[in-house]
Amino acid sequence: MLFDFETLAPQDCYKLIVSSVVPRPIAWVVTQDAAGVTNAAPYSFFNAFSSNPVVVGIGCGPKAPDALKDTCANIKATGEFVVCLVPEEAVHQMNATAVDFPAGVDEIAEAGLTRLASSKVKPPRIAESPVALECVTYQLVPAGEHTIVLGRVVAVHIQDDCVLDAAKYYVDTPKLNLIGRMHGRGWYSRTTDRIEVPRITVAEWEAKKAAG
């Protein structure tokens, strides 16, 4: 069935996209305002986009018409943020940080999470997250009511027992036990149900065609 986005209302386009582009990685974005007040919010409009430099992006929607969400306002003010991936063990705490608290409320404290100092940026990271990406602003891209925040990763923290070989930069990805965002208002996916499909070379592909 064809849906012509040029004729649909924005909320209907949104419903179609978030229910079909799944699973999406989900992460807390931790920021601070100019006075040092911390904000933490979960984002599933999030992914990695470049390897050199390493750039990650988040899509920040408006808090209200003509008003930025705290995350975006803080990033514009300071140019720093931390992206903390969410493990299954912390899914309910992640959900708590999505509550629409008034400005100035510490979502990390409200959710019973633990803050740790970052190495290169001022916003803290979340101890319950097995992966934390310290970022500085790379580019801010207006996209309608949203702002696409591109951040250059300047440091990454990975939980010690999830590093297989630090010298070779091997990570035990399954042990991270991360979750992804699905459709609807409360559906998520685990990363424990996996299939392995090795990449093949052109020669292997041609051999497969010849044999078939």
C-alpha atoms as a PDB file:
ATOM      1  CA  MET A   1       0.000   0.000   0.000  1.00  0.00           C
ATOM      2  CA  LEU A   2       1.322   3.403  -0.968  1.00  0.00           C
ATOM      3  CA  PHE A   3       1.328   6.294   1.496  1.00  0.00           C
ATOM      4  CA  ASP A   4       2.124   9.630  -0.135  1.00  0.00           C
ATOM      5  CA  PHE A   5       3.904  11.674   2.521  1.00  0.00           C
ATOM      6  CA  GLU A   6       3.349  14.845   0.526  1.00  0.00           C
ATOM      7  CA  THR A   7      -0.389  14.511   1.158  1.00  0.00           C
ATOM      8  CA  LEU A   8      -0.413  13.185   4.748  1.00  0.00           C
ATOM      9  CA  ALA A   9      -0.511  15.028   8.062  1.00  0.00           C
ATOM     10  CA  PRO A  10       2.845  15.062   9.889  1.00  0.00           C
ATOM     11  CA  GLN A  11       1.530  12.958  12.777  1.00  0.00           C
ATOM     12  CA  ASP A  12       0.429  10.246  10.338  1.00  0.00           C
ATOM     13  CA  CYS A  13       3.833  10.212   8.631  1.00  0.00           C
ATOM     14  CA  TYR A  14       5.413   9.888  12.079  1.00  0.00           C
ATOM     15  CA  LYS A  15       3.190   6.924  12.998  1.00  0.00           C
ATOM     16  CA  LEU A  16       4.113   5.076   9.812  1.00  0.00           C
ATOM     17  CA  ILE A  17       7.847   5.652  10.228  1.00  0.00           C
ATOM     18  CA  VAL A  18       8.206   4.766  13.913  1.00  0.00           C
ATOM     19  CA  SER A  19       6.160   1.586  13.476  1.00  0.00           C
ATOM     20  CA  SER A  20       8.182   0.369  10.495  1.00  0.00           C
ATOM     21  CA  VAL A  21      11.776   1.605  10.990  1.00  0.00           C
ATOM     22  CA  VAL A  22      12.542  -0.830  13.806  1.00  0.00           C
ATOM     23  CA  PRO A  23      14.322  -1.723  15.953  1.00  0.00           C
ATOM     24  CA  ARG A  24      16.041   1.573  16.647  1.00  0.00           C
ATOM     25  CA  PRO A  25      18.873   1.831  19.194  1.00  0.00           C
ATOM     26  CA  ILE A  26      17.849   3.768  22.257  1.00  0.00           C
ATOM     27  CA  ALA A  27      20.080   5.841  24.490  1.00  0.00           C
ATOM     28  CA  TRP A  28      20.012   8.432  27.209  1.00  0.00           C
ATOM     29  CA  VAL A  29      21.352  11.796  26.142  1.00  0.00           C
ATOM     30  CA  VAL A  30      22.842  13.551  29.162  1.00  0.00           C
ATOM     31  CA  THR A  31      23.390  17.306  28.994  1.00  0.00           C
ATOM     32  CA  GLN A  32      23.951  20.283  31.271  1.00  0.00           C
ATOM     33  CA  ASP A  33      22.797  23.852  30.934  1.00  0.00           C
ATOM     34  CA  ALA A  34      25.126  26.827  31.305  1.00  0.00           C
ATOM     35  CA  ALA A  35      24.560  26.795  35.081  1.00  0.00           C
ATOM     36  CA  GLY A  36      25.483  23.099  35.359  1.00  0.00           C
ATOM     37  CA  VAL A  37      21.959  21.709  35.862  1.00  0.00           C
ATOM     38  CA  THR A  38      21.854  18.169  34.454  1.00  0.00           C
ATOM     39  CA  ASN A  39      19.192  16.736  32.156  1.00  0.00           C
ATOM     40  CA  ALA A  40      18.868  13.131  30.972  1.00  0.00           C
ATOM     41  CA  ALA A  41      16.351  11.975  28.378  1.00  0.00           C
ATOM     42  CA  PRO A  42      15.959   8.789  26.298  1.00  0.00           C
ATOM     43  CA  TYR A  43      16.119   9.033  22.507  1.00  0.00           C
ATOM     44  CA  SER A  44      15.381   6.423  19.843  1.00  0.00           C
ATOM     45  CA  PHE A  45      15.861   8.871  16.992  1.00  0.00           C
ATOM     46  CA  PHE A  46      19.544   8.043  17.386  1.00  0.00           C
ATOM     47  CA  ASN A  47      22.307   6.260  15.486  1.00  0.00           C
ATOM     48  CA  ALA A  48      25.945   6.329  14.337  1.00  0.00           C
ATOM     49  CA  PHE A  49      26.671   7.928  10.977  1.00  0.00           C
ATOM     50  CA  SER A  50      30.401   8.253  10.372  1.00  0.00           C
ATOM     51  CA  SER A  51      33.624   6.474  11.283  1.00  0.00           C
ATOM     52  CA  ASN A  52      36.303   9.117  10.665  1.00  0.00           C
ATOM     53  CA  PRO A  53      35.466  11.279  12.477  1.00  0.00           C
ATOM     54  CA  VAL A  54      33.117   9.155  14.551  1.00  0.00           C
ATOM     55  CA  VAL A  55      29.822  11.021  14.425  1.00  0.00           C
ATOM     56  CA  VAL A  56      26.556  10.072  16.097  1.00  0.00           C
ATOM     57  CA  GLY A  57      23.241  11.808  15.666  1.00  0.00           C
ATOM     58  CA  ILE A  58      20.027  12.366  17.567  1.00  0.00           C
ATOM     59  CA  GLY A  59      16.767  13.911  16.420  1.00  0.00           C
ATOM     60  CA  CYS A  60      15.509  16.433  18.976  1.00  0.00           C
ATOM     61  CA  GLY A  61      11.854  17.393  18.711  1.00  0.00           C
ATOM     62  CA  PRO A  62      10.269  20.521  20.180  1.00  0.00           C
ATOM     63  CA  LYS A  63       9.114  20.748  23.779  1.00  0.00           C
ATOM     64  CA  ALA A  64       6.272  22.991  22.632  1.00  0.00           C
ATOM     65  CA  PRO A  65       5.697  25.194  19.591  1.00  0.00           C
ATOM     66  CA  ASP A  66       8.747  27.418  19.207  1.00  0.00           C
ATOM     67  CA  ALA A  67      10.349  25.959  22.358  1.00  0.00           C
ATOM     68  CA  LEU A  68      13.356  23.622  22.412  1.00  0.00           C
ATOM     69  CA  LYS A  69      13.547  20.517  24.564  1.00  0.00           C
ATOM     70  CA  ASP A  70      16.075  20.811  27.367  1.00  0.00           C
ATOM     71  CA  THR A  71      18.436  18.422  25.570  1.00  0.00           C
ATOM     72  CA  CYS A  72      18.663  20.552  22.453  1.00  0.00           C
ATOM     73  CA  ALA A  73      18.750  23.846  24.355  1.00  0.00           C
ATOM     74  CA  ASN A  74      21.596  22.586  26.536  1.00  0.00           C
ATOM     75  CA  ILE A  75      23.597  21.309  23.573  1.00  0.00           C
ATOM     76  CA  LYS A  76      23.184  24.643  21.808  1.00  0.00           C
ATOM     77  CA  ALA A  77      24.352  26.434  24.948  1.00  0.00           C
ATOM     78  CA  THR A  78      27.348  24.253  25.831  1.00  0.00           C
ATOM     79  CA  GLY A  79      28.253  22.135  22.792  1.00  0.00           C
ATOM     80  CA  GLU A  80      28.667  18.971  24.902  1.00  0.00           C
ATOM     81  CA  PHE A  81      26.631  15.846  25.649  1.00  0.00           C
ATOM     82  CA  VAL A  82      26.981  12.177  26.572  1.00  0.00           C
ATOM     83  CA  VAL A  83      25.121   9.354  24.829  1.00  0.00           C
ATOM     84  CA  CYS A  84      24.547   6.370  27.143  1.00  0.00           C
ATOM     85  CA  LEU A  85      23.221   3.146  25.621  1.00  0.00           C
ATOM     86  CA  VAL A  86      20.397   1.459  27.525  1.00  0.00           C
ATOM     87  CA  PRO A  87      20.678  -2.168  28.722  1.00  0.00           C
ATOM     88  CA  GLU A  88      17.640  -4.318  29.401  1.00  0.00           C
ATOM     89  CA  GLU A  89      18.344  -4.223  33.136  1.00  0.00           C
ATOM     90  CA  ALA A  90      17.693  -0.472  33.150  1.00  0.00           C
ATOM     91  CA  VAL A  91      14.614  -0.368  30.900  1.00  0.00           C
ATOM     92  CA  HIS A  92      12.275   0.753  33.693  1.00  0.00           C
ATOM     93  CA  GLN A  93      14.692   3.454  34.828  1.00  0.00           C
ATOM     94  CA  MET A  94      14.956   4.588  31.211  1.00  0.00           C
ATOM     95  CA  ASN A  95      11.169   4.784  31.079  1.00  0.00           C
ATOM     96  CA  ALA A  96      11.175   6.895  34.249  1.00  0.00           C
ATOM     97  CA  THR A  97      13.513   9.430  32.659  1.00  0.00           C
ATOM     98  CA  ALA A  98      10.961   9.848  29.840  1.00  0.00           C
ATOM     99  CA  VAL A  99       8.468  11.380  32.292  1.00  0.00           C
ATOM    100  CA  ASP A 100       7.725  14.995  31.377  1.00  0.00           C
ATOM    101  CA  PHE A 101       9.231  16.479  34.534  1.00  0.00           C
ATOM    102  CA  PRO A 102       9.354  20.259  34.996  1.00  0.00           C
ATOM    103  CA  ALA A 103      12.554  22.027  34.018  1.00  0.00           C
ATOM    104  CA  GLY A 104      15.292  21.700  36.607  1.00  0.00           C
ATOM    105  CA  VAL A 105      14.269  18.241  37.856  1.00  0.00           C
ATOM    106  CA  ASP A 106      17.202  15.800  37.951  1.00  0.00           C
ATOM    107  CA  GLU A 107      15.955  12.799  35.944  1.00  0.00           C
ATOM    108  CA  ILE A 108      19.009  10.750  36.899  1.00  0.00           C
ATOM    109  CA  ALA A 109      18.170  11.107  40.590  1.00  0.00           C
ATOM    110  CA  GLU A 110      14.425  10.600  40.024  1.00  0.00           C
ATOM    111  CA  ALA A 111      15.088   7.285  38.241  1.00  0.00           C
ATOM    112  CA  GLY A 112      17.536   6.073  40.898  1.00  0.00           C
ATOM    113  CA  LEU A 113      20.420   6.044  38.455  1.00  0.00           C
ATOM    114  CA  THR A 114      24.066   6.699  39.296  1.00  0.00           C
ATOM    115  CA  ARG A 115      26.114   9.473  37.752  1.00  0.00           C
ATOM    116  CA  LEU A 116      29.806   9.177  36.993  1.00  0.00           C
ATOM    117  CA  ALA A 117      32.177  11.912  35.913  1.00  0.00           C
ATOM    118  CA  SER A 118      33.014  12.030  32.237  1.00  0.00           C
ATOM    119  CA  SER A 119      36.613  12.300  31.044  1.00  0.00           C
ATOM    120  CA  LYS A 120      36.497  15.036  28.403  1.00  0.00           C
ATOM    121  CA  VAL A 121      33.140  16.795  28.697  1.00  0.00           C
ATOM    122  CA  LYS A 122      31.248  18.336  31.608  1.00  0.00           C
ATOM    123  CA  PRO A 123      27.951  16.372  31.480  1.00  0.00           C
ATOM    124  CA  PRO A 124      28.177  13.164  33.520  1.00  0.00           C
ATOM    125  CA  ARG A 125      27.596   9.658  32.242  1.00  0.00           C
ATOM    126  CA  ILE A 126      25.227   7.073  33.675  1.00  0.00           C
ATOM    127  CA  ALA A 127      26.901   4.204  35.541  1.00  0.00           C
ATOM    128  CA  GLU A 128      24.138   1.720  34.690  1.00  0.00           C
ATOM    129  CA  SER A 129      24.893   2.157  30.991  1.00  0.00           C
ATOM    130  CA  PRO A 130      27.525  -0.268  29.634  1.00  0.00           C
ATOM    131  CA  VAL A 131      28.489   2.151  26.845  1.00  0.00           C
ATOM    132  CA  ALA A 132      28.830   5.921  27.149  1.00  0.00           C
ATOM    133  CA  LEU A 133      29.904   8.158  24.273  1.00  0.00           C
ATOM    134  CA  GLU A 134      31.300  11.561  25.208  1.00  0.00           C
ATOM    135  CA  CYS A 135      30.449  14.005  22.422  1.00  0.00           C
ATOM    136  CA  VAL A 136      31.051  17.558  21.290  1.00  0.00           C
ATOM    137  CA  THR A 137      28.807  19.270  18.768  1.00  0.00           C
ATOM    138  CA  TYR A 138      29.780  18.578  15.178  1.00  0.00           C
ATOM    139  CA  GLN A 139      26.790  20.143  13.441  1.00  0.00           C
ATOM    140  CA  LEU A 140      23.205  21.177  14.151  1.00  0.00           C
ATOM    141  CA  VAL A 141      20.863  20.583  11.230  1.00  0.00           C
ATOM    142  CA  PRO A 142      17.364  22.135  11.245  1.00  0.00           C
ATOM    143  CA  ALA A 143      14.728  19.651  10.058  1.00  0.00           C
ATOM    144  CA  GLY A 144      11.267  21.144  10.375  1.00  0.00           C
ATOM    145  CA  GLU A 145      10.308  21.158  14.042  1.00  0.00           C
ATOM    146  CA  HIS A 146      13.251  18.882  14.831  1.00  0.00           C
ATOM    147  CA  THR A 147      16.938  19.634  15.169  1.00  0.00           C
ATOM    148  CA  ILE A 148      19.286  16.886  14.080  1.00  0.00           C
ATOM    149  CA  VAL A 149      22.216  17.039  16.488  1.00  0.00           C
ATOM    150  CA  LEU A 150      25.418  15.554  15.120  1.00  0.00           C
ATOM    151  CA  GLY A 151      28.070  14.932  17.730  1.00  0.00           C
ATOM    152  CA  ARG A 152      31.723  14.017  17.305  1.00  0.00           C
ATOM    153  CA  VAL A 153      32.672  11.271  19.750  1.00  0.00           C
ATOM    154  CA  VAL A 154      35.788  12.230  21.696  1.00  0.00           C
ATOM    155  CA  ALA A 155      35.821   9.304  24.147  1.00  0.00           C
ATOM    156  CA  VAL A 156      33.922   6.093  24.827  1.00  0.00           C
ATOM    157  CA  HIS A 157      33.533   4.199  28.085  1.00  0.00           C
ATOM    158  CA  ILE A 158      32.746   0.473  27.811  1.00  0.00           C
ATOM    159  CA  GLN A 159      32.013  -1.661  30.855  1.00  0.00           C
ATOM    160  CA  ASP A 160      35.160  -3.588  31.778  1.00  0.00           C
ATOM    161  CA  ASP A 161      33.626  -7.067  31.668  1.00  0.00           C
ATOM    162  CA  CYS A 162      32.242  -6.350  28.193  1.00  0.00           C
ATOM    163  CA  VAL A 163      35.698  -5.780  26.698  1.00  0.00           C
ATOM    164  CA  LEU A 164      37.100  -9.035  25.316  1.00  0.00           C
ATOM    165  CA  ASP A 165      40.510  -7.709  24.265  1.00  0.00           C
ATOM    166  CA  ALA A 166      41.385  -4.076  24.902  1.00  0.00           C
ATOM    167  CA  ALA A 167      44.539  -4.242  22.769  1.00  0.00           C
ATOM    168  CA  LYS A 168      42.503  -5.344  19.753  1.00  0.00           C
ATOM    169  CA  TYR A 169      39.434  -3.249  20.633  1.00  0.00           C
ATOM    170  CA  TYR A 170      37.195  -6.333  20.735  1.00  0.00           C
ATOM    171  CA  VAL A 171      33.875  -5.832  22.516  1.00  0.00           C
ATOM    172  CA  ASP A 172      31.591  -8.591  23.795  1.00  0.00           C
ATOM    173  CA  THR A 173      28.547  -7.047  22.119  1.00  0.00           C
ATOM    174  CA  PRO A 174      25.986  -9.650  23.302  1.00  0.00           C
ATOM    175  CA  LYS A 175      27.058  -9.078  26.908  1.00  0.00           C
ATOM    176  CA  LEU A 176      26.088  -5.405  26.627  1.00  0.00           C
ATOM    177  CA  ASN A 177      22.476  -6.670  26.579  1.00  0.00           C
ATOM    178  CA  LEU A 178      21.204  -3.519  24.911  1.00  0.00           C
ATOM    179  CA  ILE A 179      17.602  -2.874  23.922  1.00  0.00           C
ATOM    180  CA  GLY A 180      16.020  -1.281  20.868  1.00  0.00           C
ATOM    181  CA  ARG A 181      12.869   0.748  20.359  1.00  0.00           C
ATOM    182  CA  MET A 182       9.973  -0.855  18.539  1.00  0.00           C
ATOM    183  CA  HIS A 183       6.530   0.518  17.667  1.00  0.00           C
ATOM    184  CA  GLY A 184       3.735   1.963  19.774  1.00  0.00           C
ATOM    185  CA  ARG A 185       4.113   3.747  23.071  1.00  0.00           C
ATOM    186  CA  GLY A 186       5.879   1.022  25.010  1.00  0.00           C
ATOM    187  CA  TRP A 187       7.354  -1.731  22.833  1.00  0.00           C
ATOM    188  CA  TYR A 188      11.063  -2.575  22.939  1.00  0.00           C
ATOM    189  CA  SER A 189      13.230  -5.386  21.602  1.00  0.00           C
ATOM    190  CA  ARG A 190      16.068  -7.392  23.075  1.00  0.00           C
ATOM    191  CA  THR A 191      19.333  -8.098  21.275  1.00  0.00           C
ATOM    192  CA  THR A 192      19.432 -11.707  22.493  1.00  0.00           C
ATOM    193  CA  ASP A 193      17.601 -13.122  19.456  1.00  0.00           C
ATOM    194  CA  ARG A 194      20.231 -12.976  16.725  1.00  0.00           C
ATOM    195  CA  ILE A 195      20.987 -14.603  13.382  1.00  0.00           C
ATOM    196  CA  GLU A 196      24.441 -14.797  11.831  1.00  0.00           C
ATOM    197  CA  VAL A 197      24.837 -14.164   8.105  1.00  0.00           C
ATOM    198  CA  PRO A 198      28.546 -13.878   7.183  1.00  0.00           C
ATOM    199  CA  ARG A 199      29.521 -11.390   4.460  1.00  0.00           C
ATOM    200  CA  ILE A 200      30.622 -13.011   1.207  1.00  0.00           C
ATOM    201  CA  THR A 201      33.146 -11.992  -1.450  1.00  0.00           C
ATOM    202  CA  VAL A 202      32.457 -11.511  -5.141  1.00  0.00           C
ATOM    203  CA  ALA A 203      34.323 -14.775  -5.832  1.00  0.00           C
ATOM    204  CA  GLU A 204      32.165 -16.652  -3.345  1.00  0.00           C
ATOM    205  CA  TRP A 205      29.039 -15.136  -4.874  1.00  0.00           C
ATOM    206  CA  GLU A 206      30.066 -16.125  -8.398  1.00  0.00           C
ATOM    207  CA  ALA A 207      30.904 -19.648  -7.201  1.00  0.00           C
ATOM    208  CA  LYS A 208      27.491 -19.885  -5.549  1.00  0.00           C
ATOM    209  CA  LYS A 209      25.781 -18.787  -8.771  1.00  0.00           C
ATOM    210  CA  ALA A 210      27.769 -21.276 -10.818  1.00  0.00           C
ATOM    211  CA  ALA A 211      26.884 -24.113  -8.432  1.00  0.00           C
ATOM    212  CA  GLY A 212      23.199 -23.210  -8.375  1.00  0.00           C
END
